[in-house]
Each structure stands twice: as structure tokens, then as C-alpha cells.
Amino acid sequence: MPQDRTRKIVITGIMGAIAIFLGLTRWGFIPWFGGISLTIMTVPVIIGAVLEGPLVGLLIGLIFGVFSLIQAAVAPNFPSDTWFTNPLLSILPRLFIGPVAWLVWSALKKWPVAGLIGAGIAGSVTNTVLVLGMIGLLGYAPWAVLPPVVVANGLPEAGVAAVLVLVVVGAWMRIQVGRRQGANLAG
């Protein structure tokens, strides 16, 4: 089916471009306490995976990871940003965001609201756990400092991702949430 392949390519390109746009404009980073930010750069990856499957999610995750690597090399904002010039940290964890989100969505799509919320949480948590795990494995930071980051950053990021995925994909698929459906979800 050529139309399906074309759709997958288009969704990959659009969601990849959105991830890059969010990074370049810094709109993908919501200011949070203590000078840290909540990243929503995982959201295009999760949306692409839910709409078009695990391969599309993996490709958008690759775009996100490569952008992260380039951004860390060209325009780091903090000294720790240079850690992301290592592809094991910037690219590898991002490859799993989409497939994990798709697995959760596939398991729960009989209950679309729960499935979208679950996919948003799972994709975001996958990114957090794998990036922080790689930071620990590579010795960039002691393991003891990583669990508080999961609580302070990872959990709020997962909540934001869950809401954004529910609203965007719910509107696209015209899923009813309460009394609202389709485009009325955001309003």
C-alpha cells in the first residue's frame, strides 16, 4: 500500500520537524524549579508512534536524538549538556521512546483515553529512565543523585506528556473524553 508508506514518511517528517522546532526555539523545555526544565520533546515521538507504529516512533526518536547530539555539540546551555555529544546518551535512549509508547497504546487501545495517557507516560518515563541510566552507566554522575531527578523531573514530564498526547491524538482520532470530542478537547 503506497499510501500507507507515504503517510508514514510524512508523519515521520512532520513530527521530526516539530521535535527539532521545539528544541531550537526552546519551547520543548518548560521552565521548572531549581533552574531545570521539563522536556516535552518526547511528545512528537510518542504521537508519531501511536498514529503510525513503532518504526515511525523509532525514526522520530532517531531525529530527536541526532538533534540532541548536534545541539549539545554546537550550542550547549549548561556544562552537563556536553555529555550529550556521546551518542550512547543522546541517541540510543531516544530510539526506545516510540516503540515502548506504541506497545502500551496497542495493549490499551480498547480504552483509548487510558491508552493515550498510558502511552504518554510510558514514552516519557522510557526517555527519563534510559537517559539517566546511561548517565549513571557512563559515570557522568553518581547513581545516588539520579532518583531525585526522576521524581523532580521525570514524573512531571510524564504527566505533561500524558495530557498533551491525550489532547492531540484524541482530537486527531476524534476520541470522546467526558463530554468533549475531537477538536473540542483542547477548548
Protein backbone atom coordinates (compact mmCIF):
# COMPACT_ATOMS: atom_id res chain seq x y z
CA MET A 1 0.00 0.00 0.00
CA PRO A 2 1.89 3.07 -1.24
CA GLN A 3 -0.48 5.47 0.55
CA ASP A 4 0.34 3.93 3.93
CA ARG A 5 4.08 4.23 3.27
CA THR A 6 3.67 7.83 2.13
CA ARG A 7 1.63 8.66 5.25
CA LYS A 8 4.30 7.12 7.50
CA ILE A 9 7.03 9.15 5.78
CA VAL A 10 5.01 12.36 6.08
CA ILE A 11 4.17 11.78 9.77
CA THR A 12 7.84 10.96 10.47
CA GLY A 13 8.98 14.16 8.75
CA ILE A 14 6.38 16.39 10.39
CA MET A 15 6.85 15.01 13.90
CA GLY A 16 10.65 15.04 13.49
CA ALA A 17 10.46 18.68 12.36
CA ILE A 18 8.27 19.53 15.34
CA ALA A 19 10.81 17.93 17.70
CA ILE A 20 13.61 19.97 16.11
CA PHE A 21 11.48 23.14 16.24
CA LEU A 22 10.74 22.56 19.93
CA GLY A 23 14.46 22.19 20.59
CA LEU A 24 15.64 25.15 18.54
CA THR A 25 13.07 27.55 19.98
CA ARG A 26 13.44 26.08 23.49
CA TRP A 27 9.64 25.69 23.56
CA GLY A 28 10.28 22.00 24.19
CA PHE A 29 11.63 22.85 27.63
CA ILE A 30 9.17 24.09 30.23
CA PRO A 31 11.00 26.05 32.99
CA TRP A 32 10.81 24.23 36.29
CA PHE A 33 12.20 24.93 39.74
CA GLY A 34 15.92 24.87 40.52
CA GLY A 35 16.98 26.03 37.06
CA ILE A 36 15.97 22.76 35.41
CA SER A 37 13.40 22.27 32.67
CA LEU A 38 10.75 19.72 31.86
CA THR A 39 11.24 18.44 28.33
CA ILE A 40 8.28 17.78 26.09
CA MET A 41 10.50 16.84 23.15
CA THR A 42 9.33 13.24 23.64
CA VAL A 43 5.75 14.14 22.73
CA PRO A 44 6.20 14.18 18.91
CA VAL A 45 7.92 10.79 19.17
CA ILE A 46 5.05 9.35 21.20
CA ILE A 47 2.39 10.86 18.92
CA GLY A 48 4.11 9.52 15.80
CA ALA A 49 4.35 6.04 17.31
CA VAL A 50 0.70 5.99 18.39
CA LEU A 51 -0.51 7.21 14.99
CA GLU A 52 1.80 5.19 12.73
CA GLY A 53 3.53 2.43 14.69
CA PRO A 54 6.82 1.54 16.33
CA LEU A 55 9.08 2.05 13.30
CA VAL A 56 7.83 5.62 12.83
CA GLY A 57 8.32 6.21 16.57
CA LEU A 58 11.85 4.85 16.32
CA LEU A 59 12.65 7.12 13.36
CA ILE A 60 11.29 10.23 15.09
CA GLY A 61 13.25 9.22 18.19
CA LEU A 62 16.35 9.00 15.99
CA ILE A 63 15.69 12.52 14.69
CA PHE A 64 15.23 13.75 18.27
CA GLY A 65 18.45 12.02 19.36
CA VAL A 66 20.56 13.29 16.47
CA PHE A 67 19.23 16.82 17.07
CA SER A 68 20.12 16.46 20.76
CA LEU A 69 23.67 15.38 19.86
CA ILE A 70 24.14 18.27 17.41
CA GLN A 71 22.65 20.80 19.83
CA ALA A 72 24.97 19.59 22.60
CA ALA A 73 28.00 19.96 20.32
CA VAL A 74 27.07 23.30 18.76
CA ALA A 75 25.14 25.23 21.41
CA PRO A 76 25.26 23.69 24.90
CA ASN A 77 23.43 25.71 27.57
CA PHE A 78 24.96 24.05 30.62
CA PRO A 79 28.26 22.19 31.16
CA SER A 80 26.35 18.90 31.52
CA ASP A 81 24.87 19.41 28.02
CA THR A 82 28.23 18.37 26.56
CA TRP A 83 27.59 14.86 27.91
CA PHE A 84 25.02 14.54 25.13
CA THR A 85 27.76 14.63 22.47
CA ASN A 86 28.04 10.93 23.29
CA PRO A 87 25.53 9.09 21.03
CA LEU A 88 25.03 6.44 23.72
CA LEU A 89 23.40 9.19 25.77
CA SER A 90 21.84 11.45 23.14
CA ILE A 91 20.61 8.93 20.55
CA LEU A 92 20.33 5.39 21.95
CA PRO A 93 17.73 6.05 24.70
CA ARG A 94 15.54 8.07 22.30
CA LEU A 95 15.20 5.08 19.96
CA PHE A 96 13.07 3.28 22.55
CA ILE A 97 10.55 6.05 23.31
CA GLY A 98 8.28 5.36 20.33
CA PRO A 99 8.28 1.55 20.40
CA VAL A 100 7.51 1.48 24.14
CA ALA A 101 4.72 4.05 23.74
CA TRP A 102 3.31 2.06 20.82
CA LEU A 103 3.34 -1.18 22.86
CA VAL A 104 1.39 0.48 25.67
CA TRP A 105 -1.06 2.06 23.20
CA SER A 106 -1.53 -1.29 21.43
CA ALA A 107 -2.25 -3.05 24.72
CA LEU A 108 -4.75 -0.42 25.88
CA LYS A 109 -6.37 0.89 22.69
CA LYS A 110 -9.69 -0.76 23.57
CA TRP A 111 -9.83 2.01 26.18
CA PRO A 112 -8.49 4.91 24.12
CA VAL A 113 -8.29 7.52 26.88
CA ALA A 114 -6.34 5.16 29.16
CA GLY A 115 -4.27 4.01 26.18
CA LEU A 116 -3.23 7.53 25.20
CA ILE A 117 -2.47 8.53 28.79
CA GLY A 118 -0.51 5.30 29.27
CA ALA A 119 1.42 5.78 26.03
CA GLY A 120 2.33 9.35 27.03
CA ILE A 121 3.53 8.26 30.45
CA ALA A 122 5.39 5.19 29.15
CA GLY A 123 7.20 7.08 26.39
CA SER A 124 8.25 9.88 28.71
CA VAL A 125 9.35 7.56 31.51
CA THR A 126 11.31 5.47 28.99
CA ASN A 127 13.27 8.55 27.99
CA THR A 128 13.89 9.59 31.61
CA VAL A 129 14.96 6.16 32.86
CA LEU A 130 17.17 5.33 29.88
CA VAL A 131 18.88 8.74 29.74
CA LEU A 132 19.52 8.82 33.49
CA GLY A 133 20.54 5.17 33.45
CA MET A 134 23.06 5.91 30.72
CA ILE A 135 24.35 8.92 32.67
CA GLY A 136 24.95 6.57 35.60
CA LEU A 137 26.50 3.81 33.47
CA LEU A 138 28.85 6.23 31.73
CA GLY A 139 29.90 7.67 35.10
CA TYR A 140 28.83 11.24 34.33
CA ALA A 141 27.02 11.48 37.67
CA PRO A 142 26.84 9.32 40.79
CA TRP A 143 23.89 6.92 40.93
CA ALA A 144 22.71 8.47 44.21
CA VAL A 145 21.79 11.79 42.56
CA LEU A 146 19.65 10.20 39.83
CA PRO A 147 16.50 9.05 41.73
CA PRO A 148 15.67 12.60 42.90
CA VAL A 149 15.87 13.72 39.26
CA VAL A 150 13.32 11.04 38.32
CA VAL A 151 10.94 12.38 40.98
CA ALA A 152 11.55 16.10 40.38
CA ASN A 153 11.71 15.99 36.58
CA GLY A 154 10.62 12.60 35.27
CA LEU A 155 7.23 12.36 36.93
CA PRO A 156 6.06 15.88 35.99
CA GLU A 157 7.35 15.32 32.42
CA ALA A 158 5.33 12.11 32.24
CA GLY A 159 2.21 13.94 33.41
CA VAL A 160 2.64 16.71 30.85
CA ALA A 161 3.30 14.17 28.08
CA ALA A 162 0.19 12.20 29.05
CA VAL A 163 -2.03 15.28 28.82
CA LEU A 164 -0.51 16.51 25.53
CA VAL A 165 -0.72 13.07 23.89
CA LEU A 166 -4.33 12.67 25.04
CA VAL A 167 -5.36 16.10 23.74
CA VAL A 168 -3.51 15.97 20.40
CA VAL A 169 -4.15 12.35 19.43
CA GLY A 170 -7.61 12.39 20.98
CA ALA A 171 -8.54 15.35 18.79
CA TRP A 172 -6.97 13.74 15.72
CA MET A 173 -8.79 10.42 16.27
CA ARG A 174 -11.99 12.13 17.46
CA ILE A 175 -11.94 10.26 20.76
CA GLN A 176 -14.56 11.27 23.27
CA VAL A 177 -13.19 12.42 26.62
CA GLY A 178 -16.00 13.21 29.00
CA ARG A 179 -18.43 15.40 27.07
CA ARG A 180 -15.80 16.62 24.63
CA GLN A 181 -14.74 15.01 21.39
CA GLY A 182 -12.32 15.70 18.56
CA ALA A 183 -11.27 19.33 18.14
CA ASN A 184 -13.26 20.32 21.24
CA LEU A 185 -10.76 18.54 23.52
CA ALA A 186 -8.37 21.48 23.55
CA GLY A 187 -11.01 24.17 24.07
